[in-house]
N, C-alpha and C. Protein backbone atom coordinates (compact mmCIF):
# COMPACT_ATOMS: atom_id res chain seq x y z
N MET A 1 0.82 -1.18 0.00
CA MET A 1 0.00 0.00 0.00
C MET A 1 0.87 1.25 0.00
N ASP A 2 1.86 1.27 0.85
CA ASP A 2 2.70 2.47 0.93
C ASP A 2 3.45 2.72 -0.37
N GLY A 3 4.04 1.69 -0.95
CA GLY A 3 4.77 1.85 -2.19
C GLY A 3 3.89 2.21 -3.37
N GLY A 4 2.69 1.69 -3.39
CA GLY A 4 1.78 1.94 -4.49
C GLY A 4 1.23 3.35 -4.53
N TYR A 5 1.17 4.00 -3.38
CA TYR A 5 0.59 5.33 -3.34
C TYR A 5 1.63 6.43 -3.14
N ASN A 6 2.85 6.07 -2.84
CA ASN A 6 3.90 7.05 -2.59
C ASN A 6 4.15 7.88 -3.85
N GLY A 7 4.01 9.18 -3.77
CA GLY A 7 4.28 10.07 -4.88
C GLY A 7 3.18 10.14 -5.93
N LYS A 8 2.01 9.56 -5.68
CA LYS A 8 0.94 9.49 -6.68
C LYS A 8 -0.09 10.63 -6.55
N PHE A 9 -0.02 11.43 -5.50
CA PHE A 9 -1.04 12.45 -5.27
C PHE A 9 -0.44 13.84 -5.28
N ASP A 10 -1.25 14.80 -5.72
CA ASP A 10 -0.85 16.20 -5.69
C ASP A 10 -1.99 16.98 -5.06
N PRO A 11 -1.85 17.47 -3.86
CA PRO A 11 -0.64 17.45 -3.06
C PRO A 11 -0.35 16.04 -2.52
N PRO A 12 0.90 15.79 -2.17
CA PRO A 12 1.29 14.46 -1.70
C PRO A 12 0.66 14.12 -0.35
N LEU A 13 0.56 12.82 -0.10
CA LEU A 13 0.09 12.39 1.22
C LEU A 13 1.03 12.92 2.28
N THR A 14 0.49 13.29 3.42
CA THR A 14 1.34 13.81 4.49
C THR A 14 1.91 12.71 5.38
N VAL A 15 1.31 11.52 5.31
CA VAL A 15 1.82 10.35 6.03
C VAL A 15 1.71 9.15 5.08
N LEU A 16 2.27 8.04 5.45
CA LEU A 16 2.17 6.83 4.64
C LEU A 16 0.72 6.40 4.51
N ALA A 17 0.37 5.79 3.39
CA ALA A 17 -0.99 5.30 3.18
C ALA A 17 -1.41 4.34 4.30
N SER A 18 -0.49 3.51 4.74
CA SER A 18 -0.81 2.57 5.82
C SER A 18 -1.14 3.30 7.12
N GLU A 19 -0.56 4.46 7.34
CA GLU A 19 -0.88 5.23 8.55
C GLU A 19 -2.31 5.74 8.50
N TYR A 20 -2.77 6.15 7.32
CA TYR A 20 -4.17 6.53 7.18
C TYR A 20 -5.08 5.35 7.52
N TRP A 21 -4.71 4.18 6.99
CA TRP A 21 -5.51 2.97 7.26
C TRP A 21 -5.58 2.69 8.75
N TYR A 22 -4.44 2.62 9.41
CA TYR A 22 -4.44 2.26 10.83
C TYR A 22 -5.16 3.31 11.67
N ARG A 23 -5.17 4.55 11.22
CA ARG A 23 -5.84 5.63 11.96
C ARG A 23 -7.34 5.69 11.65
N GLN A 24 -7.73 5.42 10.40
CA GLN A 24 -9.10 5.69 9.99
C GLN A 24 -9.87 4.51 9.41
N GLY A 25 -9.21 3.42 9.12
CA GLY A 25 -9.85 2.32 8.42
C GLY A 25 -10.41 1.25 9.33
N SER A 26 -11.41 0.57 8.84
CA SER A 26 -11.99 -0.59 9.52
C SER A 26 -12.41 -1.60 8.48
N THR A 27 -12.39 -2.84 8.87
CA THR A 27 -12.92 -3.90 8.04
C THR A 27 -13.76 -4.80 8.92
N THR A 28 -14.82 -5.32 8.37
CA THR A 28 -15.68 -6.22 9.13
C THR A 28 -15.65 -7.59 8.49
N PHE A 29 -16.02 -8.56 9.27
CA PHE A 29 -16.15 -9.92 8.75
C PHE A 29 -17.16 -10.63 9.62
N GLN A 30 -17.65 -11.72 9.10
CA GLN A 30 -18.65 -12.50 9.81
C GLN A 30 -18.15 -13.92 10.04
N GLU A 31 -17.69 -14.54 8.99
CA GLU A 31 -17.26 -15.93 9.08
C GLU A 31 -16.06 -16.12 8.16
N GLU A 32 -14.88 -15.86 8.71
CA GLU A 32 -13.63 -15.94 7.95
C GLU A 32 -12.65 -16.78 8.76
N PRO A 33 -12.34 -18.00 8.32
CA PRO A 33 -11.51 -18.90 9.11
C PRO A 33 -10.12 -18.36 9.46
N TYR A 34 -9.58 -17.45 8.65
CA TYR A 34 -8.23 -16.97 8.89
C TYR A 34 -8.18 -15.62 9.60
N ALA A 35 -9.32 -15.09 9.96
CA ALA A 35 -9.37 -13.75 10.56
C ALA A 35 -8.45 -13.62 11.77
N GLY A 36 -8.50 -14.57 12.66
CA GLY A 36 -7.67 -14.50 13.86
C GLY A 36 -6.18 -14.52 13.57
N HIS A 37 -5.81 -15.07 12.44
CA HIS A 37 -4.39 -15.17 12.08
C HIS A 37 -3.84 -13.91 11.42
N ILE A 38 -4.71 -13.03 10.95
CA ILE A 38 -4.23 -11.84 10.26
C ILE A 38 -4.55 -10.53 10.98
N VAL A 39 -5.04 -10.65 12.21
CA VAL A 39 -5.37 -9.45 12.99
C VAL A 39 -4.16 -8.54 13.14
N ASP A 40 -3.00 -9.09 13.36
CA ASP A 40 -1.80 -8.26 13.52
C ASP A 40 -1.48 -7.45 12.27
N LEU A 41 -1.77 -8.00 11.10
CA LEU A 41 -1.53 -7.27 9.84
C LEU A 41 -2.53 -6.15 9.64
N ILE A 42 -3.78 -6.40 9.99
CA ILE A 42 -4.85 -5.43 9.78
C ILE A 42 -4.84 -4.37 10.87
N GLY A 43 -4.50 -4.78 12.08
CA GLY A 43 -4.54 -3.91 13.24
C GLY A 43 -5.72 -4.29 14.11
N GLU A 44 -5.46 -4.63 15.36
CA GLU A 44 -6.54 -5.16 16.21
C GLU A 44 -7.66 -4.16 16.45
N THR A 45 -7.39 -2.88 16.32
CA THR A 45 -8.46 -1.90 16.49
C THR A 45 -9.18 -1.58 15.17
N ASN A 46 -8.75 -2.21 14.09
CA ASN A 46 -9.34 -1.97 12.77
C ASN A 46 -10.26 -3.10 12.32
N VAL A 47 -10.41 -4.13 13.12
CA VAL A 47 -11.22 -5.29 12.76
C VAL A 47 -12.48 -5.30 13.62
N ILE A 48 -13.63 -5.51 12.96
CA ILE A 48 -14.91 -5.56 13.66
C ILE A 48 -15.65 -6.82 13.22
N TRP A 49 -16.02 -7.66 14.17
CA TRP A 49 -16.83 -8.83 13.85
C TRP A 49 -18.28 -8.41 13.80
N GLY A 50 -19.01 -8.91 12.81
CA GLY A 50 -20.43 -8.61 12.70
C GLY A 50 -21.24 -9.87 12.49
N SER A 51 -22.36 -9.96 13.13
CA SER A 51 -23.21 -11.15 13.00
C SER A 51 -24.21 -11.05 11.86
N ASP A 52 -24.50 -9.85 11.42
CA ASP A 52 -25.50 -9.57 10.40
C ASP A 52 -26.89 -10.04 10.82
N TYR A 53 -27.08 -10.15 12.12
CA TYR A 53 -28.41 -10.49 12.66
C TYR A 53 -29.35 -9.33 12.41
N PRO A 54 -30.55 -9.52 12.01
CA PRO A 54 -31.32 -10.76 11.87
C PRO A 54 -31.43 -11.25 10.43
N HIS A 55 -30.54 -10.84 9.55
CA HIS A 55 -30.63 -11.25 8.15
C HIS A 55 -30.37 -12.74 7.99
N LEU A 56 -30.98 -13.30 6.98
CA LEU A 56 -30.87 -14.75 6.75
C LEU A 56 -29.45 -15.22 6.47
N ASP A 57 -28.60 -14.34 5.95
CA ASP A 57 -27.22 -14.75 5.67
C ASP A 57 -26.32 -14.58 6.89
N GLY A 58 -26.87 -14.20 8.02
CA GLY A 58 -26.11 -14.07 9.26
C GLY A 58 -25.78 -15.44 9.84
N VAL A 59 -24.99 -15.46 10.88
CA VAL A 59 -24.56 -16.72 11.48
C VAL A 59 -25.33 -17.07 12.76
N TRP A 60 -26.22 -16.21 13.20
CA TRP A 60 -27.02 -16.50 14.38
C TRP A 60 -27.95 -17.67 14.09
N PRO A 61 -28.12 -18.62 14.95
CA PRO A 61 -27.80 -18.65 16.37
C PRO A 61 -26.44 -19.26 16.71
N ASP A 62 -25.59 -19.42 15.72
CA ASP A 62 -24.28 -20.04 15.94
C ASP A 62 -23.16 -19.02 16.15
N SER A 63 -23.51 -17.81 16.51
CA SER A 63 -22.53 -16.73 16.64
C SER A 63 -21.38 -17.07 17.58
N GLY A 64 -21.70 -17.55 18.76
CA GLY A 64 -20.66 -17.89 19.73
C GLY A 64 -19.68 -18.92 19.21
N GLU A 65 -20.21 -19.94 18.56
CA GLU A 65 -19.37 -20.99 17.99
C GLU A 65 -18.47 -20.43 16.88
N ILE A 66 -19.03 -19.59 16.02
CA ILE A 66 -18.25 -18.98 14.94
C ILE A 66 -17.14 -18.11 15.50
N ILE A 67 -17.45 -17.33 16.51
CA ILE A 67 -16.43 -16.47 17.14
C ILE A 67 -15.30 -17.32 17.69
N LEU A 68 -15.63 -18.39 18.38
CA LEU A 68 -14.59 -19.27 18.93
C LEU A 68 -13.75 -19.91 17.83
N GLN A 69 -14.39 -20.33 16.75
CA GLN A 69 -13.66 -20.97 15.65
C GLN A 69 -12.71 -19.99 14.97
N THR A 70 -13.13 -18.75 14.79
CA THR A 70 -12.32 -17.81 14.03
C THR A 70 -11.38 -16.98 14.88
N LEU A 71 -11.77 -16.70 16.12
CA LEU A 71 -11.00 -15.79 16.96
C LEU A 71 -10.59 -16.39 18.31
N GLY A 72 -10.91 -17.65 18.53
CA GLY A 72 -10.67 -18.27 19.82
C GLY A 72 -9.23 -18.31 20.28
N SER A 73 -8.29 -18.18 19.38
CA SER A 73 -6.88 -18.24 19.76
C SER A 73 -6.33 -16.89 20.21
N LEU A 74 -7.13 -15.84 20.10
CA LEU A 74 -6.66 -14.50 20.46
C LEU A 74 -6.76 -14.25 21.96
N GLU A 75 -5.96 -13.31 22.43
CA GLU A 75 -6.02 -12.91 23.83
C GLU A 75 -7.40 -12.33 24.12
N PRO A 76 -7.92 -12.51 25.34
CA PRO A 76 -9.26 -12.01 25.68
C PRO A 76 -9.46 -10.52 25.39
N LYS A 77 -8.47 -9.69 25.63
CA LYS A 77 -8.59 -8.25 25.37
C LYS A 77 -8.79 -7.98 23.87
N VAL A 78 -8.02 -8.66 23.04
CA VAL A 78 -8.13 -8.50 21.59
C VAL A 78 -9.49 -9.01 21.11
N LEU A 79 -9.93 -10.14 21.64
CA LEU A 79 -11.23 -10.70 21.28
C LEU A 79 -12.35 -9.73 21.64
N LYS A 80 -12.28 -9.12 22.81
CA LYS A 80 -13.29 -8.14 23.22
C LYS A 80 -13.28 -6.92 22.30
N ASN A 81 -12.09 -6.48 21.92
CA ASN A 81 -12.00 -5.35 20.99
C ASN A 81 -12.72 -5.67 19.68
N ILE A 82 -12.43 -6.82 19.12
CA ILE A 82 -12.97 -7.18 17.81
C ILE A 82 -14.48 -7.43 17.86
N THR A 83 -14.97 -8.02 18.92
CA THR A 83 -16.39 -8.35 19.00
C THR A 83 -17.24 -7.27 19.62
N CYS A 84 -16.63 -6.24 20.18
CA CYS A 84 -17.43 -5.23 20.87
C CYS A 84 -16.83 -3.83 20.81
N ALA A 85 -15.69 -3.65 21.46
CA ALA A 85 -15.13 -2.31 21.69
C ALA A 85 -14.80 -1.55 20.41
N ASN A 86 -14.32 -2.24 19.38
CA ASN A 86 -13.95 -1.54 18.15
C ASN A 86 -15.17 -0.88 17.50
N ALA A 87 -16.30 -1.58 17.47
CA ALA A 87 -17.53 -1.00 16.90
C ALA A 87 -18.00 0.18 17.75
N VAL A 88 -17.96 0.02 19.06
CA VAL A 88 -18.37 1.09 19.97
C VAL A 88 -17.52 2.32 19.72
N ASN A 89 -16.22 2.14 19.60
CA ASN A 89 -15.32 3.27 19.38
C ASN A 89 -15.46 3.87 17.98
N ARG A 90 -15.53 3.02 16.96
CA ARG A 90 -15.60 3.51 15.58
C ARG A 90 -16.86 4.31 15.33
N TYR A 91 -17.98 3.82 15.86
CA TYR A 91 -19.26 4.48 15.61
C TYR A 91 -19.70 5.40 16.75
N ARG A 92 -18.77 5.61 17.69
CA ARG A 92 -19.00 6.53 18.82
C ARG A 92 -20.31 6.24 19.56
N MET A 93 -20.53 4.97 19.82
CA MET A 93 -21.71 4.55 20.57
C MET A 93 -21.41 4.59 22.06
N GLY A 94 -22.32 5.09 22.83
CA GLY A 94 -22.15 5.10 24.27
C GLY A 94 -21.19 6.15 24.79
N HIS A 95 -20.83 7.10 23.95
CA HIS A 95 -19.91 8.16 24.40
C HIS A 95 -20.69 9.39 24.77
């Protein structure tokens, strides 16, 4: 990302493209087997798990099982961030 965008804008970016991502970007997922393995690359505060409840393509009522399968290897603090705190912070809920 940084190499691809370096020098491509006028005026130029004031920080690396990846810095914009880590500061302002988010990605969501619902059922991705490798999500827990790539959190460090994406940034633990940039990942948000979503159930898509009550839509038919959601994973409810198996949400807990899906979370354990995809994120069960993560530290409890990181797991809480991804399943709760990141959305609260990103969308300024409860502030």
